[in-house]
Amino acid sequence: MNLSATLILAFGMSMDAFAASIGKGATLHKPLFREALRTGLIFGGIEAVTPLIGWSLGLMASQYLLEWDHWVAFTLLGCLGARMVIGGLRQQADSVPRPGQHSLRVLVATAIATSLDAMAVGVGLAFLEVNILHTAMIIGMATMIMTTMGMLLGRFIGPLLGKKAEIIGGAILIGIGCNILYSHFGRAVLPGL
């Protein structure tokens, strides 16, 4: 795989993390660049590791992994999104100020959920002649850049949305999970597409 194909793959893989980070940035009270970079590093690091895991699993038993990855991603994103929606609905106007950063646990869970597709790609890369370390580093860097930008974009969207930002952010996560599930079943029903 050449560099341009790797870059296209990397930025394509980072789109769901980008969408999730916009929602995460919108739910915070004016997140600083430091928080955006922290989020980008967490998402990028996890997104770089998951293709390596998928590549390793692909060498061993790809069929078993591919049968369950979409359900795991759907469940994680659905639970995180539902938690955000419920939290946003419970908030009273001006009752609780928005936090300045997300907990490490929430960021890691979201990053894992949005990076399971990278694991599936890693499984596919096990059957191609690629430098997996090089590819994984590019995927991680692209995700770090896109997630950091998404958090900063969310900073400007958050004040416009007010208390609805958490509800919309949760809906985005649920939508990403549903899209992953839909994409899987769309391939299963229409294997030529």
Protein backbone atom coordinates (compact mmCIF):
# COMPACT_ATOMS: atom_id res chain seq x y z
CA MET A 1 0.00 0.00 0.00
CA ASN A 2 1.48 3.36 -1.02
CA LEU A 3 1.59 6.54 1.10
CA SER A 4 -1.43 8.21 -0.49
CA ALA A 5 -3.59 5.10 0.03
CA THR A 6 -2.39 4.91 3.64
CA LEU A 7 -3.26 8.58 4.25
CA ILE A 8 -6.72 8.14 2.73
CA LEU A 9 -7.26 5.08 4.91
CA ALA A 10 -5.98 6.92 8.00
CA PHE A 11 -8.19 9.98 7.60
CA GLY A 12 -11.16 7.81 6.69
CA MET A 13 -10.63 5.79 9.85
CA SER A 14 -10.52 8.98 11.93
CA MET A 15 -13.92 10.35 10.85
CA ASP A 16 -15.97 8.65 13.56
CA ALA A 17 -13.49 9.84 16.21
CA PHE A 18 -13.77 13.34 14.72
CA ALA A 19 -17.57 13.28 14.99
CA ALA A 20 -17.43 11.96 18.55
CA SER A 21 -14.88 14.61 19.55
CA ILE A 22 -17.11 17.42 18.27
CA GLY A 23 -19.80 16.14 20.62
CA LYS A 24 -17.30 15.80 23.46
CA GLY A 25 -16.01 19.33 22.91
CA ALA A 26 -19.52 20.76 22.78
CA THR A 27 -20.41 19.28 26.18
CA LEU A 28 -17.48 20.96 27.93
CA HIS A 29 -17.29 24.52 29.17
CA LYS A 30 -14.78 26.16 26.84
CA PRO A 31 -12.28 23.30 26.59
CA LEU A 32 -8.72 24.54 26.36
CA PHE A 33 -6.26 23.48 23.68
CA ARG A 34 -4.58 21.35 26.36
CA GLU A 35 -7.80 19.34 26.84
CA ALA A 36 -8.30 19.04 23.07
CA LEU A 37 -4.74 17.78 22.66
CA ARG A 38 -5.17 15.36 25.60
CA THR A 39 -8.28 13.96 23.95
CA GLY A 40 -6.49 13.77 20.59
CA LEU A 41 -3.58 11.88 22.13
CA ILE A 42 -5.88 9.38 23.85
CA PHE A 43 -7.97 8.77 20.73
CA GLY A 44 -4.90 8.71 18.45
CA GLY A 45 -3.00 6.32 20.72
CA ILE A 46 -5.87 3.89 20.92
CA GLU A 47 -6.58 4.21 17.19
CA ALA A 48 -2.91 3.39 16.50
CA VAL A 49 -2.93 0.30 18.74
CA THR A 50 -6.16 -1.26 17.50
CA PRO A 51 -4.95 -1.99 13.94
CA LEU A 52 -1.95 -3.73 15.47
CA ILE A 53 -4.28 -5.85 17.60
CA GLY A 54 -6.48 -6.56 14.58
CA TRP A 55 -3.44 -7.43 12.47
CA SER A 56 -2.26 -9.88 15.15
CA LEU A 57 -5.72 -11.40 15.46
CA GLY A 58 -6.01 -11.52 11.68
CA LEU A 59 -2.96 -13.69 11.55
CA MET A 60 -4.63 -16.06 14.01
CA ALA A 61 -8.42 -16.07 13.67
CA SER A 62 -9.97 -13.24 11.68
CA GLN A 63 -13.40 -14.81 11.24
CA TYR A 64 -14.20 -14.86 14.95
CA LEU A 65 -13.26 -11.21 15.47
CA LEU A 66 -15.20 -9.96 12.46
CA GLU A 67 -18.35 -11.69 13.70
CA TRP A 68 -18.50 -9.58 16.89
CA ASP A 69 -16.66 -6.25 16.42
CA HIS A 70 -19.74 -4.38 15.18
CA TRP A 71 -21.83 -5.52 18.16
CA VAL A 72 -19.15 -4.44 20.64
CA ALA A 73 -18.81 -1.00 19.00
CA PHE A 74 -22.60 -0.56 18.80
CA THR A 75 -23.06 -1.49 22.47
CA LEU A 76 -20.25 0.73 23.77
CA LEU A 77 -21.28 3.75 21.71
CA GLY A 78 -24.96 3.19 22.46
CA CYS A 79 -24.37 3.03 26.22
CA LEU A 80 -22.08 6.06 26.26
CA GLY A 81 -24.48 8.02 24.06
CA ALA A 82 -27.51 7.06 26.12
CA ARG A 83 -25.67 8.10 29.27
CA MET A 84 -24.95 11.51 27.73
CA VAL A 85 -28.53 11.97 26.51
CA ILE A 86 -29.99 11.04 29.90
CA GLY A 87 -27.50 13.34 31.65
CA GLY A 88 -28.45 16.18 29.31
CA LEU A 89 -32.17 15.63 29.85
CA ARG A 90 -31.74 15.62 33.63
CA GLN A 91 -29.90 18.93 33.67
CA GLN A 92 -31.95 21.89 34.79
CA ALA A 93 -31.30 25.23 33.11
CA ASP A 94 -28.25 26.84 34.74
CA SER A 95 -28.23 24.17 37.49
CA VAL A 96 -24.90 22.46 36.92
CA PRO A 97 -22.02 24.12 35.10
CA ARG A 98 -20.44 22.12 32.31
CA PRO A 99 -17.10 20.52 33.25
CA GLY A 100 -13.79 21.73 31.83
CA GLN A 101 -12.63 18.23 30.87
CA HIS A 102 -13.86 14.66 30.50
CA SER A 103 -12.69 11.87 32.75
CA LEU A 104 -10.00 9.57 31.42
CA ARG A 105 -12.40 6.61 31.74
CA VAL A 106 -15.02 8.23 29.50
CA LEU A 107 -12.45 9.26 26.90
CA VAL A 108 -10.84 5.83 26.78
CA ALA A 109 -14.22 4.07 26.49
CA THR A 110 -15.28 6.39 23.67
CA ALA A 111 -11.92 6.00 21.91
CA ILE A 112 -12.11 2.21 22.11
CA ALA A 113 -15.65 2.19 20.77
CA THR A 114 -14.78 4.44 17.83
CA SER A 115 -11.58 2.51 17.03
CA LEU A 116 -13.00 -0.99 16.67
CA ASP A 117 -13.31 -0.41 12.94
CA ALA A 118 -9.53 0.16 12.90
CA MET A 119 -9.15 -3.27 14.48
CA ALA A 120 -11.22 -4.78 11.69
CA VAL A 121 -9.06 -2.96 9.14
CA GLY A 122 -6.01 -4.39 10.90
CA VAL A 123 -7.43 -7.85 10.36
CA GLY A 124 -7.67 -7.12 6.64
CA LEU A 125 -4.16 -5.67 6.57
CA ALA A 126 -2.83 -8.98 7.89
CA PHE A 127 -3.52 -10.44 4.45
CA LEU A 128 -1.77 -7.63 2.55
CA GLU A 129 1.86 -6.75 2.22
CA VAL A 130 1.99 -3.63 4.42
CA ASN A 131 4.30 -2.25 7.06
CA ILE A 132 1.77 -2.49 9.89
CA LEU A 133 3.75 -0.28 12.29
CA HIS A 134 4.02 2.48 9.71
CA THR A 135 0.33 2.22 8.83
CA ALA A 136 -0.76 2.16 12.49
CA MET A 137 1.35 5.25 13.27
CA ILE A 138 -0.22 7.17 10.38
CA ILE A 139 -3.73 6.13 11.46
CA GLY A 140 -2.96 7.24 15.03
CA MET A 141 -1.55 10.60 13.91
CA ALA A 142 -4.51 11.29 11.62
CA THR A 143 -6.92 10.46 14.44
CA MET A 144 -5.01 12.66 16.89
CA ILE A 145 -5.19 15.61 14.48
CA MET A 146 -8.86 15.10 13.64
CA THR A 147 -9.91 14.56 17.25
CA THR A 148 -8.05 17.64 18.47
CA MET A 149 -9.68 19.70 15.72
CA GLY A 150 -13.08 18.19 16.56
CA MET A 151 -12.75 19.14 20.23
CA LEU A 152 -11.83 22.71 19.30
CA LEU A 153 -14.74 22.89 16.86
CA GLY A 154 -17.02 21.55 19.60
CA ARG A 155 -15.82 24.41 21.83
CA PHE A 156 -17.50 26.89 19.50
CA ILE A 157 -20.59 24.79 18.93
CA GLY A 158 -21.19 24.15 22.66
CA PRO A 159 -22.14 27.72 23.65
CA LEU A 160 -24.51 27.96 20.69
CA LEU A 161 -26.32 24.79 21.77
CA GLY A 162 -26.26 25.43 25.51
CA LYS A 163 -27.56 22.57 27.63
CA LYS A 164 -28.67 20.67 24.51
CA ALA A 165 -25.00 20.04 23.62
CA GLU A 166 -24.78 16.92 25.79
CA ILE A 167 -27.98 15.51 24.30
CA ILE A 168 -26.74 16.14 20.76
CA GLY A 169 -23.29 14.72 21.61
CA GLY A 170 -24.95 11.56 22.95
CA ALA A 171 -27.13 11.32 19.87
CA ILE A 172 -24.00 11.58 17.69
CA LEU A 173 -22.39 8.64 19.55
CA ILE A 174 -25.57 6.57 19.24
CA GLY A 175 -25.71 7.46 15.53
CA ILE A 176 -22.10 6.35 15.00
CA GLY A 177 -22.88 3.04 16.74
CA CYS A 178 -25.97 2.52 14.59
CA ASN A 179 -23.99 3.36 11.45
CA ILE A 180 -21.37 0.75 12.35
CA LEU A 181 -24.09 -1.86 12.84
CA TYR A 182 -25.90 -0.80 9.66
CA SER A 183 -22.66 -0.92 7.67
CA HIS A 184 -22.01 -4.46 8.86
CA PHE A 185 -25.48 -5.73 8.03
CA GLY A 186 -25.47 -3.84 4.71
CA ARG A 187 -22.32 -5.76 3.73
CA ALA A 188 -23.83 -9.02 4.94
CA VAL A 189 -27.04 -8.55 2.95
CA LEU A 190 -25.36 -7.03 -0.11
CA PRO A 191 -21.89 -8.61 -0.11
CA GLY A 192 -20.93 -7.14 -3.48
CA LEU A 193 -21.21 -3.54 -2.21
